[in-house]
Amino acid sequence: MLNQRKKRSPLFFVGSVLLGVVIFALILFAVFNFWVNQNCFLVEVSGDSMLNTVEDGDLLYVREQKAKRGDIVIISVKDCRGEGGFHFSGDYIIKRVIAFAGDTVKWENGDISIKYAESEEFAVLNEPYIHGETPSFDSGNVIEVKEGEIFFLGDNRENSYDSTEIGCLKESYIVGVVPKWSLKIKSFTNFWERMRTRVAVHQ
């Protein structure tokens, strides 16, 4: 007499699939968390100069890599305290790199135009990320970026202490770049890192 195999409920297969998805997600998250801990450092943003891209209190993963035009970067300003009348409120600032050595930046009617080192003409910079209108430059409305320097701005143009007021800083002051993926997952980063900190405190 043949043994009849017990027919399994469709819920069993659904549960198995969901369990597999959860296990895969946990493994993927563990790998990502390990990679982040090995390759990134964490910063907490203070201030509103990068609104609406980054907000006060945001936690961001930062990588030590070479910056490109348009990248959001962390700049150390410890070595320029007291120079040129600078009045930074902390040791590090978060800004967006607009231009590098050899580029020329021009302000005109609230717009930023750039003549790149490899170009002969100015082109208006497309900046969908900015909040407010870019103020004119204190040192004249055309700035040539010298060798080893960067021109940088905050996204919140009407509330940012940046190259519009102080001109350029040394490129070597950049200590890290905020990758685009870090910006996309910042809500998760804020939740995860604060939860991990709370757990660590109570252990």
N, C-alpha and C. Protein backbone atom coordinates (compact mmCIF):
# COMPACT_ATOMS: atom_id res chain seq x y z
N MET A 1 0.84 -1.19 0.00
CA MET A 1 0.00 0.00 0.00
C MET A 1 0.89 1.25 0.00
N LEU A 2 0.62 2.14 -0.92
CA LEU A 2 1.44 3.33 -1.05
C LEU A 2 1.12 4.34 0.05
N ASN A 3 2.21 4.95 0.58
CA ASN A 3 2.02 6.01 1.57
C ASN A 3 1.64 7.31 0.88
N GLN A 4 0.62 7.93 1.34
CA GLN A 4 0.21 9.20 0.79
C GLN A 4 0.96 10.34 1.49
N ARG A 5 1.56 11.18 0.68
CA ARG A 5 2.28 12.33 1.25
C ARG A 5 1.29 13.38 1.70
N LYS A 6 1.54 13.91 2.87
CA LYS A 6 0.64 14.92 3.42
C LYS A 6 0.75 16.21 2.63
N LYS A 7 -0.38 16.68 2.17
CA LYS A 7 -0.40 17.90 1.39
C LYS A 7 -0.16 19.11 2.29
N ARG A 8 0.84 19.91 1.90
CA ARG A 8 1.18 21.07 2.72
C ARG A 8 0.35 22.28 2.32
N SER A 9 0.02 23.06 3.30
CA SER A 9 -0.79 24.25 3.08
C SER A 9 0.01 25.30 2.30
N PRO A 10 -0.67 26.09 1.45
CA PRO A 10 0.01 27.18 0.74
C PRO A 10 0.69 28.16 1.70
N LEU A 11 0.14 28.26 2.93
CA LEU A 11 0.76 29.15 3.92
C LEU A 11 2.16 28.70 4.30
N PHE A 12 2.37 27.35 4.23
CA PHE A 12 3.69 26.81 4.55
C PHE A 12 4.72 27.34 3.56
N PHE A 13 4.38 27.32 2.27
CA PHE A 13 5.31 27.79 1.24
C PHE A 13 5.52 29.30 1.34
N VAL A 14 4.43 30.04 1.63
CA VAL A 14 4.56 31.48 1.80
C VAL A 14 5.49 31.80 2.98
N GLY A 15 5.30 31.07 4.07
CA GLY A 15 6.14 31.27 5.25
C GLY A 15 7.59 30.94 4.96
N SER A 16 7.83 29.86 4.20
CA SER A 16 9.20 29.48 3.85
C SER A 16 9.88 30.55 3.02
N VAL A 17 9.12 31.10 2.05
CA VAL A 17 9.68 32.15 1.20
C VAL A 17 10.00 33.39 2.03
N LEU A 18 9.08 33.78 2.90
CA LEU A 18 9.31 34.95 3.74
C LEU A 18 10.50 34.75 4.67
N LEU A 19 10.63 33.56 5.23
CA LEU A 19 11.77 33.26 6.10
C LEU A 19 13.07 33.36 5.32
N GLY A 20 13.06 32.84 4.09
CA GLY A 20 14.26 32.93 3.26
C GLY A 20 14.63 34.37 2.95
N VAL A 21 13.61 35.19 2.66
CA VAL A 21 13.85 36.61 2.37
C VAL A 21 14.43 37.31 3.59
N VAL A 22 13.88 37.03 4.77
CA VAL A 22 14.37 37.65 6.00
C VAL A 22 15.82 37.27 6.28
N ILE A 23 16.12 35.97 6.13
CA ILE A 23 17.49 35.50 6.37
C ILE A 23 18.47 36.15 5.39
N PHE A 24 18.06 36.22 4.11
CA PHE A 24 18.91 36.86 3.10
C PHE A 24 19.14 38.33 3.44
N ALA A 25 18.06 39.03 3.85
CA ALA A 25 18.17 40.45 4.19
C ALA A 25 19.10 40.66 5.38
N LEU A 26 19.01 39.77 6.37
CA LEU A 26 19.88 39.89 7.55
C LEU A 26 21.34 39.67 7.19
N ILE A 27 21.59 38.70 6.31
CA ILE A 27 22.96 38.44 5.87
C ILE A 27 23.50 39.65 5.08
N LEU A 28 22.64 40.17 4.18
CA LEU A 28 23.03 41.33 3.38
C LEU A 28 23.33 42.52 4.27
N PHE A 29 22.48 42.75 5.27
CA PHE A 29 22.68 43.87 6.19
C PHE A 29 23.97 43.69 6.99
N ALA A 30 24.25 42.46 7.44
CA ALA A 30 25.46 42.19 8.21
C ALA A 30 26.71 42.48 7.38
N VAL A 31 26.67 42.07 6.10
CA VAL A 31 27.80 42.33 5.20
C VAL A 31 27.98 43.83 4.99
N PHE A 32 26.86 44.53 4.75
CA PHE A 32 26.91 45.99 4.54
C PHE A 32 27.43 46.69 5.79
N ASN A 33 26.95 46.28 6.95
CA ASN A 33 27.36 46.90 8.21
C ASN A 33 28.86 46.70 8.44
N PHE A 34 29.36 45.50 8.13
CA PHE A 34 30.79 45.22 8.27
C PHE A 34 31.60 46.10 7.32
N TRP A 35 31.12 46.19 6.06
CA TRP A 35 31.84 47.00 5.06
C TRP A 35 31.86 48.46 5.47
N VAL A 36 30.75 48.99 5.94
CA VAL A 36 30.67 50.40 6.37
C VAL A 36 31.64 50.66 7.51
N ASN A 37 31.67 49.76 8.48
CA ASN A 37 32.56 49.94 9.63
C ASN A 37 34.03 49.93 9.24
N GLN A 38 34.35 49.19 8.17
CA GLN A 38 35.74 49.08 7.72
C GLN A 38 36.15 50.22 6.79
N ASN A 39 35.19 50.80 6.08
CA ASN A 39 35.54 51.73 5.00
C ASN A 39 35.01 53.15 5.17
N CYS A 40 34.23 53.40 6.20
CA CYS A 40 33.62 54.73 6.37
C CYS A 40 33.80 55.21 7.80
N PHE A 41 33.61 56.50 7.99
CA PHE A 41 33.48 57.03 9.34
C PHE A 41 32.18 57.83 9.42
N LEU A 42 31.68 57.99 10.62
CA LEU A 42 30.37 58.60 10.83
C LEU A 42 30.52 60.04 11.30
N VAL A 43 29.70 60.95 10.75
CA VAL A 43 29.68 62.33 11.20
C VAL A 43 28.25 62.73 11.56
N GLU A 44 28.12 63.63 12.50
CA GLU A 44 26.83 64.21 12.82
C GLU A 44 26.85 65.68 12.41
N VAL A 45 25.87 66.05 11.61
CA VAL A 45 25.81 67.40 11.06
C VAL A 45 25.26 68.38 12.11
N SER A 46 25.91 69.53 12.21
CA SER A 46 25.43 70.58 13.10
C SER A 46 25.27 71.86 12.28
N GLY A 47 24.07 72.41 12.26
CA GLY A 47 23.83 73.63 11.50
C GLY A 47 22.94 73.38 10.29
N ASP A 48 22.57 74.47 9.63
CA ASP A 48 21.59 74.41 8.54
C ASP A 48 22.16 74.86 7.19
N SER A 49 23.48 74.91 7.04
CA SER A 49 24.04 75.46 5.81
C SER A 49 23.87 74.55 4.60
N MET A 50 23.47 73.28 4.82
CA MET A 50 23.30 72.37 3.69
C MET A 50 21.84 71.99 3.44
N LEU A 51 20.90 72.73 4.06
CA LEU A 51 19.49 72.48 3.77
C LEU A 51 19.21 72.68 2.28
N ASN A 52 18.31 71.93 1.66
CA ASN A 52 17.54 70.85 2.26
C ASN A 52 18.18 69.48 2.03
N THR A 53 19.39 69.47 1.51
CA THR A 53 20.08 68.20 1.23
C THR A 53 20.40 67.47 2.51
N VAL A 54 20.94 68.20 3.47
CA VAL A 54 21.32 67.63 4.77
C VAL A 54 20.78 68.56 5.85
N GLU A 55 20.26 67.97 6.92
CA GLU A 55 19.66 68.75 7.99
C GLU A 55 20.45 68.66 9.28
N ASP A 56 20.24 69.62 10.16
CA ASP A 56 20.88 69.62 11.47
C ASP A 56 20.56 68.33 12.22
N GLY A 57 21.59 67.64 12.72
CA GLY A 57 21.40 66.40 13.45
C GLY A 57 21.51 65.15 12.60
N ASP A 58 21.56 65.28 11.28
CA ASP A 58 21.70 64.10 10.42
C ASP A 58 23.02 63.37 10.69
N LEU A 59 22.96 62.05 10.63
CA LEU A 59 24.16 61.21 10.71
C LEU A 59 24.47 60.70 9.31
N LEU A 60 25.73 60.82 8.90
CA LEU A 60 26.12 60.46 7.54
C LEU A 60 27.37 59.60 7.55
N TYR A 61 27.40 58.61 6.66
CA TYR A 61 28.62 57.84 6.43
C TYR A 61 29.50 58.60 5.46
N VAL A 62 30.79 58.69 5.77
CA VAL A 62 31.75 59.45 4.96
C VAL A 62 32.92 58.55 4.59
N ARG A 63 33.39 58.68 3.35
CA ARG A 63 34.52 57.89 2.89
C ARG A 63 35.74 58.78 2.63
N GLU A 64 36.91 58.22 2.91
CA GLU A 64 38.16 58.92 2.59
C GLU A 64 38.51 58.61 1.14
N GLN A 65 38.12 59.50 0.25
CA GLN A 65 38.38 59.32 -1.18
C GLN A 65 38.53 60.69 -1.83
N LYS A 66 39.04 60.70 -3.04
CA LYS A 66 39.26 61.97 -3.73
C LYS A 66 37.93 62.57 -4.15
N ALA A 67 37.77 63.85 -3.88
CA ALA A 67 36.53 64.54 -4.20
C ALA A 67 36.48 64.94 -5.67
N LYS A 68 35.25 65.04 -6.17
CA LYS A 68 34.99 65.51 -7.53
C LYS A 68 34.10 66.74 -7.45
N ARG A 69 34.01 67.47 -8.53
CA ARG A 69 33.12 68.62 -8.58
C ARG A 69 31.69 68.17 -8.27
N GLY A 70 31.03 68.89 -7.40
CA GLY A 70 29.66 68.55 -7.04
C GLY A 70 29.53 67.67 -5.82
N ASP A 71 30.64 67.11 -5.34
CA ASP A 71 30.59 66.24 -4.16
C ASP A 71 30.37 67.05 -2.89
N ILE A 72 29.65 66.44 -1.96
CA ILE A 72 29.54 67.00 -0.61
C ILE A 72 30.71 66.46 0.20
N VAL A 73 31.43 67.33 0.86
CA VAL A 73 32.66 66.94 1.54
C VAL A 73 32.70 67.44 2.98
N ILE A 74 33.55 66.79 3.76
CA ILE A 74 33.86 67.25 5.11
C ILE A 74 35.23 67.92 5.04
N ILE A 75 35.29 69.16 5.50
CA ILE A 75 36.53 69.96 5.42
C ILE A 75 37.01 70.28 6.83
N SER A 76 38.27 69.99 7.09
CA SER A 76 38.87 70.37 8.37
C SER A 76 39.31 71.82 8.29
N VAL A 77 38.87 72.61 9.27
CA VAL A 77 39.25 74.02 9.30
C VAL A 77 40.08 74.34 10.54
N LYS A 78 40.61 73.30 11.17
CA LYS A 78 41.42 73.50 12.38
C LYS A 78 42.68 74.31 12.10
N ASP A 79 43.28 74.09 10.91
CA ASP A 79 44.55 74.74 10.60
C ASP A 79 44.39 76.17 10.11
N CYS A 80 43.15 76.62 9.90
CA CYS A 80 43.00 78.00 9.42
C CYS A 80 42.28 78.88 10.43
N ARG A 81 42.25 78.43 11.67
CA ARG A 81 41.69 79.29 12.71
C ARG A 81 42.58 80.52 12.88
N GLY A 82 41.95 81.67 12.89
CA GLY A 82 42.70 82.90 13.08
C GLY A 82 43.30 83.45 11.80
N GLU A 83 43.25 82.67 10.69
CA GLU A 83 43.78 83.16 9.43
C GLU A 83 42.74 84.00 8.69
N GLY A 84 43.14 85.12 8.18
CA GLY A 84 42.27 85.92 7.32
C GLY A 84 40.95 86.33 7.96
N GLY A 85 40.88 86.33 9.26
CA GLY A 85 39.64 86.72 9.92
C GLY A 85 38.55 85.66 9.87
N PHE A 86 38.91 84.41 9.59
CA PHE A 86 37.91 83.34 9.55
C PHE A 86 37.27 83.15 10.93
N HIS A 87 35.98 82.83 10.94
CA HIS A 87 35.31 82.62 12.22
C HIS A 87 34.44 81.36 12.17
N PHE A 88 35.08 80.22 11.93
CA PHE A 88 34.38 78.95 11.96
C PHE A 88 34.02 78.59 13.40
N SER A 89 32.85 78.00 13.58
CA SER A 89 32.38 77.68 14.93
C SER A 89 32.85 76.32 15.41
N GLY A 90 33.40 75.50 14.52
CA GLY A 90 33.87 74.17 14.91
C GLY A 90 35.13 73.81 14.15
N ASP A 91 35.58 72.56 14.31
CA ASP A 91 36.80 72.11 13.65
C ASP A 91 36.55 71.58 12.24
N TYR A 92 35.29 71.24 11.93
CA TYR A 92 34.97 70.68 10.62
C TYR A 92 33.71 71.34 10.07
N ILE A 93 33.64 71.45 8.75
CA ILE A 93 32.45 71.96 8.08
C ILE A 93 32.04 70.99 6.98
N ILE A 94 30.76 71.01 6.63
CA ILE A 94 30.25 70.19 5.53
C ILE A 94 29.75 71.14 4.44
N LYS A 95 30.29 70.98 3.23
CA LYS A 95 29.94 71.87 2.11
C LYS A 95 29.97 71.06 0.81
N ARG A 96 29.64 71.74 -0.28
CA ARG A 96 29.68 71.12 -1.60
C ARG A 96 30.83 71.75 -2.40
N VAL A 97 31.68 70.90 -2.98
CA VAL A 97 32.79 71.40 -3.80
C VAL A 97 32.22 71.82 -5.16
N ILE A 98 32.49 73.06 -5.52
CA ILE A 98 31.99 73.60 -6.78
C ILE A 98 33.08 73.63 -7.85
N ALA A 99 34.31 73.97 -7.44
CA ALA A 99 35.38 74.12 -8.43
C ALA A 99 36.73 73.77 -7.82
N PHE A 100 37.65 73.37 -8.72
CA PHE A 100 39.01 73.00 -8.32
C PHE A 100 40.03 73.92 -9.02
N ALA A 101 41.29 73.64 -8.77
CA ALA A 101 42.38 74.45 -9.33
C ALA A 101 42.25 74.58 -10.85
N GLY A 102 42.41 75.81 -11.33
CA GLY A 102 42.33 76.08 -12.76
C GLY A 102 40.95 76.52 -13.22
N ASP A 103 39.93 76.27 -12.39
CA ASP A 103 38.57 76.71 -12.72
C ASP A 103 38.39 78.19 -12.33
N THR A 104 37.49 78.84 -13.02
CA THR A 104 37.12 80.22 -12.68
C THR A 104 35.62 80.27 -12.41
N VAL A 105 35.25 80.85 -11.27
CA VAL A 105 33.84 80.90 -10.85
C VAL A 105 33.35 82.34 -10.92
N LYS A 106 32.16 82.51 -11.48
CA LYS A 106 31.59 83.86 -11.63
C LYS A 106 30.17 83.91 -11.07
N TRP A 107 29.87 84.97 -10.32
CA TRP A 107 28.51 85.22 -9.84
C TRP A 107 27.86 86.28 -10.70
N GLU A 108 26.60 86.04 -11.10
CA GLU A 108 25.88 87.04 -11.88
C GLU A 108 24.38 86.86 -11.64
N ASN A 109 23.79 87.87 -11.02
CA ASN A 109 22.34 87.88 -10.76
C ASN A 109 21.87 86.63 -10.01
N GLY A 110 22.65 86.19 -9.05
CA GLY A 110 22.26 85.04 -8.24
C GLY A 110 22.63 83.70 -8.82
N ASP A 111 23.15 83.67 -10.04
CA ASP A 111 23.57 82.41 -10.67
C ASP A 111 25.08 82.24 -10.59
N ILE A 112 25.50 80.98 -10.53
CA ILE A 112 26.92 80.64 -10.55
C ILE A 112 27.27 80.09 -11.92
N SER A 113 28.28 80.69 -12.55
CA SER A 113 28.81 80.18 -13.81
C SER A 113 30.26 79.75 -13.59
N ILE A 114 30.68 78.73 -14.31
CA ILE A 114 32.04 78.23 -14.17
C ILE A 114 32.71 78.09 -15.53
N LYS A 115 33.94 78.56 -15.60
CA LYS A 115 34.79 78.26 -16.75
C LYS A 115 35.80 77.23 -16.25
N TYR A 116 35.59 75.99 -16.65
CA TYR A 116 36.45 74.91 -16.18
C TYR A 116 37.84 75.04 -16.77
N ALA A 117 38.80 74.43 -16.09
CA ALA A 117 40.20 74.53 -16.51
C ALA A 117 40.39 74.08 -17.95
N GLU A 118 39.59 73.10 -18.38
CA GLU A 118 39.74 72.56 -19.73
C GLU A 118 38.83 73.26 -20.75
N SER A 119 38.16 74.34 -20.32
CA SER A 119 37.21 75.03 -21.19
C SER A 119 37.62 76.49 -21.39
N GLU A 120 37.02 77.13 -22.41
CA GLU A 120 37.32 78.53 -22.68
C GLU A 120 36.12 79.43 -22.44
N GLU A 121 34.96 78.85 -22.12
CA GLU A 121 33.76 79.63 -21.93
C GLU A 121 33.09 79.33 -20.59
N PHE A 122 32.39 80.30 -20.07
CA PHE A 122 31.62 80.11 -18.84
C PHE A 122 30.32 79.37 -19.17
N ALA A 123 29.89 78.53 -18.24
CA ALA A 123 28.62 77.83 -18.37
C ALA A 123 27.89 77.95 -17.04
N VAL A 124 26.59 78.27 -17.08
CA VAL A 124 25.81 78.39 -15.85
C VAL A 124 25.69 77.01 -15.20
N LEU A 125 25.96 76.97 -13.91
CA LEU A 125 25.92 75.71 -13.17
C LEU A 125 24.47 75.33 -12.87
N ASN A 126 24.10 74.10 -13.20
CA ASN A 126 22.77 73.59 -12.89
C ASN A 126 22.77 73.11 -11.44
N GLU A 127 21.98 73.78 -10.58
CA GLU A 127 22.00 73.48 -9.16
C GLU A 127 20.59 73.27 -8.61
N PRO A 128 19.98 72.12 -8.91
CA PRO A 128 18.62 71.86 -8.42
C PRO A 128 18.54 71.66 -6.92
N TYR A 129 19.70 71.50 -6.27
CA TYR A 129 19.74 71.19 -4.85
C TYR A 129 19.75 72.42 -3.95
N ILE A 130 19.91 73.62 -4.50
CA ILE A 130 20.12 74.78 -3.63
C ILE A 130 18.82 75.27 -3.00
N HIS A 131 19.00 75.91 -1.84
CA HIS A 131 17.89 76.51 -1.09
C HIS A 131 18.22 77.99 -0.94
N GLY A 132 17.37 78.85 -1.49
CA GLY A 132 17.67 80.28 -1.45
C GLY A 132 18.51 80.71 -2.63
N GLU A 133 18.84 81.98 -2.65
CA GLU A 133 19.62 82.56 -3.76
C GLU A 133 21.06 82.77 -3.35
N THR A 134 21.98 82.46 -4.27
CA THR A 134 23.41 82.62 -3.99
C THR A 134 23.78 84.09 -3.88
N PRO A 135 24.38 84.51 -2.76
CA PRO A 135 24.79 85.92 -2.61
C PRO A 135 26.03 86.23 -3.44
N SER A 136 26.26 87.49 -3.69
CA SER A 136 27.46 87.89 -4.43
C SER A 136 28.70 87.62 -3.57
N PHE A 137 29.84 87.55 -4.23
CA PHE A 137 31.10 87.26 -3.54
C PHE A 137 31.66 88.52 -2.90
N ASP A 138 32.19 88.38 -1.70
CA ASP A 138 32.76 89.54 -0.99
C ASP A 138 34.03 90.06 -1.67
N SER A 139 34.77 89.16 -2.33
CA SER A 139 36.07 89.54 -2.90
C SER A 139 35.98 89.88 -4.38
N GLY A 140 34.78 90.14 -4.88
CA GLY A 140 34.60 90.38 -6.32
C GLY A 140 33.86 89.21 -6.94
N ASN A 141 33.14 89.46 -7.99
CA ASN A 141 32.23 88.44 -8.50
C ASN A 141 32.85 87.44 -9.48
N VAL A 142 34.17 87.47 -9.60
CA VAL A 142 34.90 86.45 -10.36
C VAL A 142 36.06 85.96 -9.50
N ILE A 143 36.12 84.66 -9.28
CA ILE A 143 37.18 84.07 -8.45
C ILE A 143 37.90 82.99 -9.26
N GLU A 144 39.21 83.11 -9.37
CA GLU A 144 40.03 82.08 -10.00
C GLU A 144 40.56 81.15 -8.92
N VAL A 145 40.30 79.86 -9.09
CA VAL A 145 40.74 78.89 -8.09
C VAL A 145 42.20 78.54 -8.35
N LYS A 146 43.04 78.82 -7.38
CA LYS A 146 44.49 78.62 -7.54
C LYS A 146 44.89 77.16 -7.32
N GLU A 147 46.12 76.87 -7.64
CA GLU A 147 46.65 75.51 -7.49
C GLU A 147 46.51 75.02 -6.05
N GLY A 148 45.98 73.80 -5.91
CA GLY A 148 45.84 73.20 -4.59
C GLY A 148 44.68 73.71 -3.77
N GLU A 149 43.74 74.45 -4.41
CA GLU A 149 42.62 75.02 -3.67
C GLU A 149 41.27 74.51 -4.18
N ILE A 150 40.23 74.78 -3.41
CA ILE A 150 38.86 74.46 -3.80
C ILE A 150 37.95 75.66 -3.55
N PHE A 151 36.92 75.76 -4.36
CA PHE A 151 35.86 76.73 -4.15
C PHE A 151 34.65 75.93 -3.70
N PHE A 152 34.04 76.30 -2.57
CA PHE A 152 32.98 75.47 -1.98
C PHE A 152 31.82 76.34 -1.51
N LEU A 153 30.62 75.77 -1.54
CA LEU A 153 29.42 76.48 -1.12
C LEU A 153 28.51 75.56 -0.33
N GLY A 154 27.68 76.16 0.53
CA GLY A 154 26.62 75.41 1.17
C GLY A 154 25.40 75.39 0.28
N ASP A 155 24.57 74.38 0.41
CA ASP A 155 23.35 74.32 -0.42
C ASP A 155 22.31 75.34 0.03
N ASN A 156 22.34 75.70 1.31
CA ASN A 156 21.44 76.73 1.85
C ASN A 156 22.15 78.07 1.66
N ARG A 157 22.05 78.62 0.47
CA ARG A 157 22.91 79.72 0.05
C ARG A 157 22.78 80.98 0.89
N GLU A 158 21.66 81.21 1.49
CA GLU A 158 21.48 82.44 2.26
C GLU A 158 21.88 82.28 3.73
N ASN A 159 22.34 81.08 4.08
CA ASN A 159 22.75 80.84 5.47
C ASN A 159 23.93 79.89 5.49
N SER A 160 25.00 80.28 4.81
CA SER A 160 26.19 79.43 4.73
C SER A 160 27.45 80.28 4.74
N TYR A 161 28.38 79.90 5.60
CA TYR A 161 29.68 80.57 5.66
C TYR A 161 30.62 79.79 4.76
N ASP A 162 30.91 80.33 3.58
CA ASP A 162 31.63 79.55 2.58
C ASP A 162 32.47 80.46 1.68
N SER A 163 32.75 80.01 0.45
CA SER A 163 33.64 80.75 -0.45
C SER A 163 33.06 82.07 -0.92
N THR A 164 31.75 82.27 -0.76
CA THR A 164 31.20 83.58 -1.12
C THR A 164 31.77 84.67 -0.21
N GLU A 165 32.15 84.28 1.01
CA GLU A 165 32.68 85.26 1.97
C GLU A 165 34.19 85.16 2.15
N ILE A 166 34.71 83.95 2.17
CA ILE A 166 36.12 83.77 2.53
C ILE A 166 37.00 83.33 1.38
N GLY A 167 36.42 83.13 0.21
CA GLY A 167 37.21 82.67 -0.91
C GLY A 167 37.52 81.18 -0.82
N CYS A 168 38.64 80.78 -1.36
CA CYS A 168 38.98 79.36 -1.46
C CYS A 168 39.77 78.87 -0.24
N LEU A 169 39.74 77.56 -0.04
CA LEU A 169 40.57 76.90 0.97
C LEU A 169 41.41 75.81 0.29
N LYS A 170 42.35 75.27 1.04
CA LYS A 170 43.22 74.23 0.49
C LYS A 170 42.45 72.93 0.26
N GLU A 171 42.70 72.30 -0.87
CA GLU A 171 42.08 71.01 -1.17
C GLU A 171 42.48 69.95 -0.14
N SER A 172 43.68 70.10 0.41
CA SER A 172 44.17 69.13 1.39
C SER A 172 43.37 69.14 2.69
N TYR A 173 42.55 70.16 2.88
CA TYR A 173 41.71 70.22 4.08
C TYR A 173 40.53 69.25 4.00
N ILE A 174 40.24 68.72 2.82
CA ILE A 174 39.15 67.75 2.70
C ILE A 174 39.55 66.45 3.38
N VAL A 175 38.72 66.00 4.33
CA VAL A 175 39.03 64.76 5.05
C VAL A 175 38.13 63.60 4.64
N GLY A 176 37.08 63.90 3.86
CA GLY A 176 36.19 62.82 3.44
C GLY A 176 35.10 63.32 2.52
N VAL A 177 34.53 62.37 1.78
CA VAL A 177 33.45 62.65 0.84
C VAL A 177 32.20 61.92 1.29
N VAL A 178 31.05 62.60 1.24
CA VAL A 178 29.77 61.96 1.54
C VAL A 178 29.26 61.33 0.24
N PRO A 179 29.29 60.00 0.11
CA PRO A 179 28.82 59.39 -1.14
C PRO A 179 27.32 59.62 -1.36
N LYS A 180 26.90 59.53 -2.60
CA LYS A 180 25.49 59.74 -2.91
C LYS A 180 24.61 58.70 -2.22
N TRP A 181 25.13 57.46 -2.10
CA TRP A 181 24.34 56.42 -1.45
C TRP A 181 24.14 56.73 0.02
N SER A 182 25.11 57.42 0.63
CA SER A 182 24.99 57.79 2.04
C SER A 182 23.85 58.78 2.24
N LEU A 183 23.70 59.70 1.27
CA LEU A 183 22.60 60.66 1.35
C LEU A 183 21.25 59.96 1.19
N LYS A 184 21.20 58.96 0.30
CA LYS A 184 19.94 58.27 0.03
C LYS A 184 19.45 57.45 1.23
N ILE A 185 20.40 56.96 2.05
CA ILE A 185 20.00 56.11 3.18
C ILE A 185 20.11 56.85 4.52
N LYS A 186 20.16 58.17 4.49
CA LYS A 186 20.42 58.90 5.73
C LYS A 186 19.31 58.70 6.77
N SER A 187 18.06 58.48 6.32
CA SER A 187 16.97 58.22 7.28
C SER A 187 17.24 56.92 8.02
N PHE A 188 17.69 55.91 7.28
CA PHE A 188 18.04 54.64 7.90
C PHE A 188 19.25 54.81 8.82
N THR A 189 20.26 55.55 8.35
CA THR A 189 21.47 55.77 9.15
C THR A 189 21.12 56.45 10.46
N ASN A 190 20.27 57.47 10.40
CA ASN A 190 19.86 58.17 11.63
C ASN A 190 19.22 57.20 12.61
N PHE A 191 18.32 56.35 12.10
CA PHE A 191 17.63 55.38 12.96
C PHE A 191 18.60 54.34 13.51
N TRP A 192 19.39 53.72 12.62
CA TRP A 192 20.24 52.60 13.01
C TRP A 192 21.35 53.04 13.97
N GLU A 193 22.04 54.12 13.64
CA GLU A 193 23.18 54.54 14.47
C GLU A 193 22.72 55.04 15.84
N ARG A 194 21.58 55.72 15.89
CA ARG A 194 21.08 56.17 17.19
C ARG A 194 20.59 54.99 18.03
N MET A 195 19.97 54.01 17.39
CA MET A 195 19.53 52.82 18.10
C MET A 195 20.74 52.04 18.63
N ARG A 196 21.77 51.92 17.79
CA ARG A 196 22.97 51.20 18.20
C ARG A 196 23.66 51.90 19.37
N THR A 197 23.65 53.23 19.34
CA THR A 197 24.25 54.01 20.43
C THR A 197 23.47 53.78 21.73
N ARG A 198 22.14 53.79 21.63
CA ARG A 198 21.31 53.57 22.82
C ARG A 198 21.54 52.17 23.39
N VAL A 199 21.63 51.19 22.50
CA VAL A 199 21.89 49.82 22.95
C VAL A 199 23.25 49.74 23.65
N ALA A 200 24.26 50.38 23.04
CA ALA A 200 25.60 50.34 23.61
C ALA A 200 25.62 50.99 25.00
N VAL A 201 24.88 52.05 25.18
CA VAL A 201 24.85 52.77 26.46
C VAL A 201 24.26 51.90 27.56
N HIS A 202 23.25 51.09 27.22
CA HIS A 202 22.54 50.33 28.23
C HIS A 202 23.13 48.95 28.47
N GLN A 203 24.19 48.57 27.79
CA GLN A 203 24.79 47.24 28.00
C GLN A 203 25.55 47.19 29.31
